[in-house]
Amino acid sequence: MKNTFLNSLYCLAFMALTVACGDTQNSQNSAEGSSVYNLSYAYGAQMALSLRQSDLTDDERNADKLVEGVQKALEKDSLAIDLANQLIQMRVSSKKPSETTEQANDIAYNLGVVMLGRLPFIEAIEASDFDVNAIKEGYVAATASDSLKLSNTEMDSVLQAYFEPKGKAYSEKMQAKQQADAAIFIEQGANFLAENATKEGIVTTESGLQYEIIKEGSGPKPTLESQVKTHYHGTLIDGSVFDSSVDRGEPATFGVGQVIKGWQEGIPLMSVGAKYRFYIPNNLAYGMQAPSPKIPAGSALIFDVELIEIVQ
């Protein structure tokens, strides 16, 4: 498919390949040419096309079992979807074809679960929107390279009309949630830093960066242009660790001018051999971005940093 949205959709649904049957309430035949039929047929065909470059065996692409998996995905059973994702990842990581027909059928079934169930907006998809018989029809035709009842352009149009609004609504929902969560973390960070500033030994700079000296050093001080070797231990204000070279047992080397603003300001205050604790407000850290699941947007950060060496 050339359509950017649809490429993203199928990359997302097929992500698990690169990193008991459901009920039959939606297995009725819809009228050929109806919106349900066209959507289902197009989705089945595009599932088959997206699998062409995989190393799955024919049995692992079994149409009947795959469609059963799609039915299960439409039940929105998160545990079943997560389990299916794990099993498919194991198959891909091992790169070993199934040894028995039963194993191959399990792969096909779980593949069907994953390819619809792993869409982030699966909760917005209704089982009545799909006819699994039409999904199978499109899947079988595309797998066999038969002439399809819909052109690529028609399939792109049908799939985009259905999935794009759901993807947009999901993105807007997640963005609103992230902003609401960030506001909470910003408030918590501000309260923490206000109280922390009153403690003995805490120095607050004009920018809002706070630091305390755990151990003074006696060597030279780095500049923004310096490369430095450090040990560090990073936590949120609740004490949860998000990154630590100390825990890894290996110092980190980086350019002072290439890290977050709180470090850019704080590390040049240190002499080689010193160890400081930095309390960094969100605007000097990652702001409204969440660089990892362990660092929510809007978080204030705490770092213990030991300056080991200025790397020449």
Protein backbone atom coordinates (compact mmCIF):
# COMPACT_ATOMS: atom_id res chain seq x y z
CA MET A 1 0.00 0.00 0.00
CA LYS A 2 1.20 3.49 -0.77
CA ASN A 3 -1.11 5.28 1.65
CA THR A 4 0.88 6.61 4.61
CA PHE A 5 -1.89 6.09 7.15
CA LEU A 6 -2.48 2.52 6.06
CA ASN A 7 1.24 1.75 6.08
CA SER A 8 1.35 2.95 9.68
CA LEU A 9 -1.73 0.91 10.54
CA TYR A 10 -0.36 -2.35 9.21
CA CYS A 11 3.12 -1.77 10.61
CA LEU A 12 1.47 -1.30 13.98
CA ALA A 13 -0.77 -4.35 13.68
CA PHE A 14 2.17 -6.44 12.47
CA MET A 15 4.53 -5.16 15.17
CA ALA A 16 4.53 -8.45 17.03
CA LEU A 17 6.16 -10.11 14.02
CA THR A 18 9.05 -7.63 13.94
CA VAL A 19 9.82 -7.38 17.56
CA ALA A 20 -10.08 -22.27 21.75
CA CYS A 21 -12.19 -20.31 19.11
CA GLY A 22 -14.16 -17.13 19.61
CA ASP A 23 -17.94 -17.08 19.36
CA THR A 24 -19.59 -16.85 15.98
CA GLN A 25 -21.97 -13.95 16.53
CA ASN A 26 -20.26 -11.96 13.78
CA SER A 27 -19.71 -14.81 11.31
CA GLN A 28 -22.88 -14.17 9.29
CA ASN A 29 -22.56 -13.45 5.59
CA SER A 30 -22.95 -9.77 4.76
CA ALA A 31 -24.18 -8.74 1.34
CA GLU A 32 -21.38 -8.51 -1.20
CA GLY A 33 -20.65 -4.86 -1.89
CA SER A 34 -22.00 -3.67 1.46
CA SER A 35 -19.83 -1.51 3.69
CA VAL A 36 -19.26 -4.39 6.15
CA TYR A 37 -18.36 -6.79 3.34
CA ASN A 38 -15.97 -4.36 1.65
CA LEU A 39 -14.23 -3.45 4.92
CA SER A 40 -13.87 -7.10 5.92
CA TYR A 41 -12.74 -8.28 2.49
CA ALA A 42 -10.19 -5.47 2.22
CA TYR A 43 -8.84 -6.14 5.71
CA GLY A 44 -8.44 -9.85 5.00
CA ALA A 45 -6.70 -9.19 1.69
CA GLN A 46 -4.32 -6.67 3.20
CA MET A 47 -3.50 -9.04 6.08
CA ALA A 48 -2.39 -11.60 3.51
CA LEU A 49 -0.36 -9.04 1.57
CA SER A 50 1.38 -7.87 4.74
CA LEU A 51 2.49 -11.47 5.45
CA ARG A 52 4.12 -12.08 2.09
CA GLN A 53 7.57 -11.03 3.30
CA SER A 54 7.44 -13.12 6.49
CA ASP A 55 9.07 -16.52 6.90
CA LEU A 56 5.86 -18.19 8.03
CA THR A 57 5.01 -21.56 6.54
CA ASP A 58 1.80 -22.18 4.64
CA ASP A 59 0.35 -24.02 7.65
CA GLU A 60 1.26 -21.08 9.90
CA ARG A 61 -0.87 -18.88 7.63
CA ASN A 62 -3.87 -21.21 7.77
CA ALA A 63 -6.90 -19.09 6.85
CA ASP A 64 -9.44 -20.84 9.08
CA LYS A 65 -7.26 -20.62 12.18
CA LEU A 66 -6.24 -17.03 11.44
CA VAL A 67 -9.87 -15.96 11.13
CA GLU A 68 -10.66 -17.69 14.42
CA GLY A 69 -7.93 -15.54 15.93
CA VAL A 70 -9.48 -12.42 14.47
CA GLN A 71 -12.79 -13.40 16.08
CA LYS A 72 -11.00 -13.72 19.41
CA ALA A 73 -9.43 -10.29 18.97
CA LEU A 74 -12.90 -8.83 18.45
CA GLU A 75 -13.80 -10.06 21.93
CA LYS A 76 -11.17 -7.58 23.21
CA ASP A 77 -9.76 -10.05 25.72
CA SER A 78 -6.58 -8.24 26.74
CA LEU A 79 -5.05 -11.31 28.37
CA ALA A 80 -5.57 -13.39 25.23
CA ILE A 81 -4.13 -10.61 23.08
CA ASP A 82 -1.04 -10.26 25.29
CA LEU A 83 -0.49 -14.01 25.31
CA ALA A 84 -0.85 -14.19 21.54
CA ASN A 85 1.68 -11.38 21.16
CA GLN A 86 4.20 -13.23 23.35
CA LEU A 87 3.78 -16.46 21.39
CA ILE A 88 4.21 -14.74 18.03
CA GLN A 89 7.29 -12.92 19.29
CA MET A 90 8.76 -16.25 20.40
CA ARG A 91 8.12 -17.71 16.95
CA VAL A 92 9.80 -14.78 15.24
CA SER A 93 12.76 -14.69 17.62
CA SER A 94 13.41 -18.42 17.24
CA LYS A 95 13.07 -18.28 13.42
CA LYS A 96 12.08 -21.94 13.62
CA PRO A 97 9.06 -23.18 11.64
CA SER A 98 6.46 -25.15 13.54
CA GLU A 99 7.27 -28.84 13.76
CA THR A 100 3.68 -30.08 13.79
CA THR A 101 0.40 -29.08 12.21
CA GLU A 102 -0.98 -28.39 15.67
CA GLN A 103 1.84 -25.95 16.42
CA ALA A 104 1.34 -24.28 13.03
CA ASN A 105 -2.37 -23.89 13.71
CA ASP A 106 -1.56 -22.21 17.02
CA ILE A 107 0.70 -19.74 15.20
CA ALA A 108 -2.02 -18.95 12.64
CA TYR A 109 -4.63 -18.50 15.35
CA ASN A 110 -2.47 -16.22 17.48
CA LEU A 111 -1.40 -14.30 14.41
CA GLY A 112 -5.05 -13.48 13.77
CA VAL A 113 -5.43 -12.32 17.37
CA VAL A 114 -2.37 -10.09 17.11
CA MET A 115 -3.03 -8.51 13.75
CA LEU A 116 -6.26 -6.92 14.92
CA GLY A 117 -5.94 -7.07 18.69
CA ARG A 118 -2.65 -5.17 18.83
CA LEU A 119 -4.17 -2.07 17.26
CA PRO A 120 -4.07 0.52 20.09
CA PHE A 121 -7.68 1.52 19.48
CA ILE A 122 -9.07 -2.03 19.51
CA GLU A 123 -11.62 -0.96 22.15
CA ALA A 124 -13.25 1.34 19.59
CA ILE A 125 -13.74 -1.50 17.10
CA GLU A 126 -17.10 -3.28 17.17
CA ALA A 127 -17.43 -6.94 16.25
CA SER A 128 -20.50 -6.07 14.17
CA ASP A 129 -18.30 -3.92 11.91
CA PHE A 130 -16.69 -7.06 10.47
CA ASP A 131 -17.85 -10.20 8.69
CA VAL A 132 -15.23 -12.88 9.35
CA ASN A 133 -16.34 -14.88 6.30
CA ALA A 134 -15.53 -11.89 4.10
CA ILE A 135 -12.21 -11.45 5.93
CA LYS A 136 -11.38 -15.05 5.08
CA GLU A 137 -12.48 -14.60 1.47
CA GLY A 138 -10.19 -11.61 0.99
CA TYR A 139 -7.33 -13.31 2.85
CA VAL A 140 -7.54 -16.50 0.77
CA ALA A 141 -7.76 -14.60 -2.52
CA ALA A 142 -4.74 -12.42 -1.74
CA THR A 143 -2.73 -15.38 -0.43
CA ALA A 144 -3.36 -17.27 -3.67
CA SER A 145 -2.64 -14.14 -5.73
CA ASP A 146 -6.10 -14.41 -7.28
CA SER A 147 -7.85 -11.47 -8.85
CA LEU A 148 -9.31 -9.41 -6.03
CA LYS A 149 -12.83 -8.04 -6.00
CA LEU A 150 -11.53 -4.64 -4.92
CA SER A 151 -8.61 -2.72 -6.38
CA ASN A 152 -5.76 -1.55 -4.17
CA THR A 153 -7.12 1.97 -4.39
CA GLU A 154 -10.58 0.84 -3.35
CA MET A 155 -9.20 -1.18 -0.44
CA ASP A 156 -7.06 1.73 0.72
CA SER A 157 -10.08 4.02 0.61
CA VAL A 158 -12.33 1.62 2.54
CA LEU A 159 -9.73 0.89 5.22
CA GLN A 160 -8.74 4.51 5.65
CA ALA A 161 -12.35 5.65 5.96
CA TYR A 162 -12.87 3.16 8.79
CA PHE A 163 -9.56 3.18 10.66
CA GLU A 164 -8.33 6.77 10.32
CA PRO A 165 -11.08 8.41 12.45
CA LYS A 166 -10.56 5.77 15.14
CA GLY A 167 -6.81 6.32 15.12
CA LYS A 168 -7.28 10.08 15.30
CA ALA A 169 -9.75 9.82 18.18
CA TYR A 170 -7.38 7.50 20.03
CA SER A 171 -4.45 9.88 19.54
CA GLU A 172 -6.50 12.82 20.80
CA LYS A 173 -7.63 10.81 23.82
CA MET A 174 -4.08 9.77 24.68
CA GLN A 175 -2.76 13.31 24.20
CA ALA A 176 -5.42 14.69 26.54
CA LYS A 177 -4.59 12.01 29.12
CA GLN A 178 -0.87 12.76 28.83
CA GLN A 179 -1.49 16.46 29.36
CA ALA A 180 -3.69 15.78 32.39
CA ASP A 181 -1.11 13.40 33.86
CA ALA A 182 1.70 15.87 33.14
CA ALA A 183 -0.15 18.62 34.99
CA ILE A 184 -0.24 16.39 38.07
CA PHE A 185 3.48 15.63 37.85
CA ILE A 186 4.30 19.30 37.30
CA GLU A 187 2.37 20.29 40.42
CA GLN A 188 3.94 17.51 42.48
CA GLY A 189 7.41 18.49 41.27
CA ALA A 190 6.85 22.17 42.05
CA ASN A 191 5.66 21.37 45.58
CA PHE A 192 8.60 19.04 46.17
CA LEU A 193 11.15 21.58 44.97
CA ALA A 194 9.58 24.41 47.00
CA GLU A 195 9.90 22.36 50.18
CA ASN A 196 13.34 21.04 49.21
CA ALA A 197 14.65 24.58 48.75
CA THR A 198 14.15 25.26 52.47
CA LYS A 199 16.44 22.43 53.55
CA GLU A 200 19.96 23.01 54.81
CA GLY A 201 22.68 22.55 52.20
CA ILE A 202 20.39 23.04 49.21
CA VAL A 203 21.47 25.69 46.71
CA THR A 204 18.92 27.04 44.23
CA THR A 205 20.19 28.74 41.09
CA GLU A 206 18.44 31.49 39.14
CA SER A 207 17.09 28.96 36.65
CA GLY A 208 15.45 26.88 39.38
CA LEU A 209 18.05 24.11 39.43
CA GLN A 210 18.75 22.85 42.94
CA TYR A 211 21.85 21.03 44.08
CA GLU A 212 23.66 19.88 47.16
CA ILE A 213 27.30 18.92 47.50
CA ILE A 214 27.79 15.35 48.67
CA LYS A 215 31.56 15.41 48.12
CA GLU A 216 33.79 18.20 46.86
CA GLY A 217 36.35 17.55 44.16
CA SER A 218 39.80 19.02 43.64
CA GLY A 219 40.28 18.75 39.89
CA PRO A 220 39.40 21.10 37.02
CA LYS A 221 35.83 22.04 36.09
CA PRO A 222 34.34 21.06 32.71
CA THR A 223 32.67 23.43 30.27
CA LEU A 224 29.77 22.97 27.88
CA GLU A 225 32.30 21.92 25.24
CA SER A 226 33.82 19.19 27.43
CA GLN A 227 33.43 15.44 27.21
CA VAL A 228 33.04 13.98 30.68
CA LYS A 229 33.00 10.55 32.28
CA THR A 230 30.49 10.24 35.11
CA HIS A 231 28.67 7.84 37.33
CA TYR A 232 25.05 8.81 37.91
CA HIS A 233 21.90 7.50 39.58
CA GLY A 234 18.57 8.99 38.45
CA THR A 235 15.24 8.82 40.28
CA LEU A 236 11.86 10.47 40.27
CA ILE A 237 10.86 12.47 43.34
CA ASP A 238 9.11 9.36 44.71
CA GLY A 239 12.43 7.52 44.69
CA SER A 240 11.73 5.20 41.74
CA VAL A 241 14.89 4.61 39.69
CA PHE A 242 14.65 5.28 35.95
CA ASP A 243 18.33 5.09 34.98
CA SER A 244 21.61 4.38 36.74
CA SER A 245 25.14 3.89 35.47
CA VAL A 246 25.95 2.88 39.05
CA ASP A 247 23.52 -0.03 38.88
CA ARG A 248 24.91 -1.02 35.48
CA GLY A 249 28.45 -0.85 36.85
CA GLU A 250 29.72 1.17 33.89
CA PRO A 251 30.42 4.93 33.82
CA ALA A 252 28.85 7.04 31.07
CA THR A 253 30.79 9.37 28.76
CA PHE A 254 29.02 12.22 26.97
CA GLY A 255 29.30 15.81 25.85
CA VAL A 256 28.11 18.28 28.49
CA GLY A 257 26.37 20.34 25.81
CA GLN A 258 24.46 17.28 24.58
CA VAL A 259 22.44 16.46 27.70
CA ILE A 260 19.42 17.98 29.46
CA LYS A 261 19.63 21.63 30.54
CA GLY A 262 19.84 20.75 34.22
CA TRP A 263 23.04 18.80 33.58
CA GLN A 264 24.38 21.48 31.25
CA GLU A 265 24.13 23.95 34.09
CA GLY A 266 25.02 21.64 36.94
CA ILE A 267 28.03 19.66 35.74
CA PRO A 268 30.22 22.74 35.04
CA LEU A 269 29.78 23.62 38.74
CA MET A 270 31.64 20.44 39.68
CA SER A 271 35.35 19.75 39.94
CA VAL A 272 36.72 16.37 38.95
CA GLY A 273 36.24 14.00 41.86
CA ALA A 274 33.12 15.78 43.13
CA LYS A 275 29.75 14.19 43.74
CA TYR A 276 26.63 16.38 43.64
CA ARG A 277 22.93 15.71 43.93
CA PHE A 278 20.87 17.67 41.42
CA TYR A 279 17.15 18.38 41.81
CA ILE A 280 15.98 19.29 38.33
CA PRO A 281 12.60 20.92 37.56
CA ASN A 282 10.74 19.57 34.56
CA ASN A 283 11.57 22.57 32.35
CA LEU A 284 15.28 21.81 32.79
CA ALA A 285 14.70 18.07 32.23
CA TYR A 286 12.35 16.67 29.58
CA GLY A 287 9.47 19.12 29.96
CA MET A 288 6.23 17.78 28.50
CA GLN A 289 8.00 14.87 26.81
CA ALA A 290 8.12 11.35 28.23
CA PRO A 291 11.48 9.98 27.00
CA SER A 292 10.69 6.55 28.45
CA PRO A 293 7.81 4.84 30.27
CA LYS A 294 9.79 5.31 33.49
CA ILE A 295 9.85 9.12 33.13
CA PRO A 296 6.33 10.57 32.83
CA ALA A 297 5.88 13.90 31.07
CA GLY A 298 6.24 16.85 33.44
CA SER A 299 8.48 15.01 35.90
CA ALA A 300 11.06 16.67 38.14
CA LEU A 301 14.18 14.51 38.35
CA ILE A 302 16.84 13.80 40.95
CA PHE A 303 20.37 12.80 39.96
CA ASP A 304 23.37 11.81 42.04
CA VAL A 305 26.30 12.59 39.77
CA GLU A 306 29.98 11.81 40.32
CA LEU A 307 32.39 13.56 37.95
CA ILE A 308 35.11 11.02 37.31
CA GLU A 309 37.08 12.61 34.49
CA ILE A 310 37.17 15.29 31.84
CA VAL A 311 37.93 13.25 28.71
CA GLN A 312 40.59 14.80 26.52
